Amino acid sequence: MTQTYAHQKELHEARIDIKILEKLFANVITEGTNCSPFESDKNVQSYHIDMI
């Protein structure tokens, strides 16, 4: 199946939205648990992997 430019753009925007939400979630973890940004990013990654 050939993807159109519009479809590719839609997928790209969805990936950007996911990254923004992941970063917001990581910031909430950092502030709420007083951990480092590195640790909160790893928590978000492990959560994302568990959801797949």
N, C-alpha and C. Protein backbone atom coordinates (compact mmCIF):
# COMPACT_ATOMS: atom_id res chain seq x y z
N MET A 1 0.84 -1.18 0.00
CA MET A 1 0.00 0.00 0.00
C MET A 1 0.89 1.24 0.00
N THR A 2 0.63 2.13 -0.89
CA THR A 2 1.38 3.36 -0.99
C THR A 2 0.80 4.40 -0.04
N GLN A 3 1.69 4.96 0.78
CA GLN A 3 1.24 5.99 1.71
C GLN A 3 1.30 7.35 1.04
N THR A 4 0.27 8.12 1.25
CA THR A 4 0.24 9.47 0.70
C THR A 4 0.97 10.42 1.64
N TYR A 5 1.27 11.58 1.13
CA TYR A 5 1.93 12.59 1.95
C TYR A 5 1.07 12.96 3.15
N ALA A 6 -0.24 13.07 2.94
CA ALA A 6 -1.15 13.44 4.02
C ALA A 6 -1.12 12.37 5.12
N HIS A 7 -1.09 11.11 4.73
CA HIS A 7 -1.05 10.03 5.71
C HIS A 7 0.28 10.04 6.47
N GLN A 8 1.37 10.26 5.77
CA GLN A 8 2.68 10.33 6.43
C GLN A 8 2.72 11.50 7.41
N LYS A 9 2.16 12.62 7.01
CA LYS A 9 2.12 13.79 7.89
C LYS A 9 1.28 13.50 9.13
N GLU A 10 0.18 12.81 8.97
CA GLU A 10 -0.68 12.45 10.09
C GLU A 10 0.06 11.53 11.07
N LEU A 11 0.79 10.55 10.56
CA LEU A 11 1.56 9.66 11.41
C LEU A 11 2.66 10.41 12.15
N HIS A 12 3.32 11.32 11.44
CA HIS A 12 4.39 12.12 12.04
C HIS A 12 3.84 12.98 13.18
N GLU A 13 2.70 13.61 12.96
CA GLU A 13 2.10 14.44 14.00
C GLU A 13 1.67 13.60 15.20
N ALA A 14 1.21 12.39 14.97
CA ALA A 14 0.82 11.50 16.07
C ALA A 14 2.05 11.13 16.90
N ARG A 15 3.17 10.86 16.24
CA ARG A 15 4.41 10.53 16.97
C ARG A 15 4.87 11.72 17.80
N ILE A 16 4.76 12.92 17.26
CA ILE A 16 5.15 14.12 18.00
C ILE A 16 4.26 14.30 19.22
N ASP A 17 2.95 14.09 19.05
CA ASP A 17 2.02 14.20 20.18
C ASP A 17 2.38 13.21 21.28
N ILE A 18 2.73 12.00 20.91
CA ILE A 18 3.11 10.99 21.90
C ILE A 18 4.36 11.43 22.65
N LYS A 19 5.35 11.96 21.93
CA LYS A 19 6.59 12.41 22.57
C LYS A 19 6.32 13.55 23.54
N ILE A 20 5.42 14.46 23.17
CA ILE A 20 5.08 15.58 24.05
C ILE A 20 4.42 15.06 25.33
N LEU A 21 3.48 14.12 25.18
CA LEU A 21 2.83 13.56 26.36
C LEU A 21 3.81 12.81 27.24
N GLU A 22 4.74 12.08 26.63
CA GLU A 22 5.75 11.36 27.41
C GLU A 22 6.60 12.34 28.20
N LYS A 23 6.97 13.46 27.58
CA LYS A 23 7.80 14.44 28.27
C LYS A 23 7.03 15.11 29.42
N LEU A 24 5.76 15.40 29.19
CA LEU A 24 4.94 15.98 30.26
C LEU A 24 4.81 15.00 31.43
N PHE A 25 4.60 13.74 31.13
CA PHE A 25 4.50 12.71 32.16
C PHE A 25 5.82 12.59 32.93
N ALA A 26 6.94 12.63 32.21
CA ALA A 26 8.25 12.56 32.85
C ALA A 26 8.46 13.75 33.78
N ASN A 27 8.02 14.93 33.37
CA ASN A 27 8.15 16.12 34.21
C ASN A 27 7.32 16.00 35.49
N VAL A 28 6.12 15.44 35.37
CA VAL A 28 5.28 15.24 36.55
C VAL A 28 5.96 14.26 37.51
N ILE A 29 6.54 13.19 36.98
CA ILE A 29 7.25 12.23 37.82
C ILE A 29 8.43 12.89 38.51
N THR A 30 9.21 13.68 37.75
CA THR A 30 10.38 14.35 38.32
C THR A 30 9.99 15.26 39.47
N GLU A 31 8.96 16.06 39.26
CA GLU A 31 8.54 17.01 40.29
C GLU A 31 7.86 16.31 41.47
N GLY A 32 7.07 15.29 41.18
CA GLY A 32 6.30 14.62 42.24
C GLY A 32 7.14 13.71 43.12
N THR A 33 8.16 13.10 42.54
CA THR A 33 8.96 12.15 43.32
C THR A 33 10.34 12.70 43.66
N ASN A 34 10.64 13.89 43.18
CA ASN A 34 11.93 14.53 43.42
C ASN A 34 13.09 13.64 42.95
N CYS A 35 12.91 13.04 41.79
CA CYS A 35 13.99 12.23 41.21
C CYS A 35 14.62 13.00 40.04
N SER A 36 15.66 12.45 39.49
CA SER A 36 16.35 13.12 38.39
C SER A 36 15.54 12.95 37.09
N PRO A 37 15.73 13.85 36.13
CA PRO A 37 15.07 13.71 34.83
C PRO A 37 15.42 12.39 34.14
N PHE A 38 16.65 11.93 34.33
CA PHE A 38 17.05 10.65 33.74
C PHE A 38 16.19 9.51 34.29
N GLU A 39 15.99 9.50 35.61
CA GLU A 39 15.19 8.45 36.22
C GLU A 39 13.73 8.52 35.76
N SER A 40 13.19 9.71 35.66
CA SER A 40 11.80 9.83 35.24
C SER A 40 11.64 9.41 33.77
N ASP A 41 12.62 9.73 32.94
CA ASP A 41 12.56 9.28 31.53
C ASP A 41 12.57 7.76 31.44
N LYS A 42 13.39 7.11 32.28
CA LYS A 42 13.44 5.65 32.29
C LYS A 42 12.12 5.06 32.77
N ASN A 43 11.48 5.71 33.74
CA ASN A 43 10.18 5.25 34.21
C ASN A 43 9.14 5.33 33.09
N VAL A 44 9.16 6.42 32.36
CA VAL A 44 8.22 6.59 31.25
C VAL A 44 8.49 5.54 30.17
N GLN A 45 9.75 5.29 29.87
CA GLN A 45 10.08 4.27 28.87
C GLN A 45 9.61 2.91 29.31
N SER A 46 9.83 2.55 30.57
CA SER A 46 9.41 1.23 31.03
C SER A 46 7.88 1.13 31.05
N TYR A 47 7.21 2.22 31.37
CA TYR A 47 5.75 2.23 31.34
C TYR A 47 5.24 2.05 29.92
N HIS A 48 5.88 2.74 28.97
CA HIS A 48 5.49 2.66 27.56
C HIS A 48 5.70 1.24 27.03
N ILE A 49 6.79 0.60 27.39
CA ILE A 49 7.07 -0.77 26.94
C ILE A 49 6.04 -1.73 27.52
N ASP A 50 5.66 -1.52 28.78
CA ASP A 50 4.67 -2.39 29.41
C ASP A 50 3.31 -2.27 28.75
N MET A 51 3.01 -1.09 28.20
CA MET A 51 1.69 -0.88 27.58
C MET A 51 1.61 -1.52 26.20
N ILE A 52 2.72 -1.79 25.57
CA ILE A 52 2.72 -2.36 24.21
C ILE A 52 2.40 -3.77 24.22
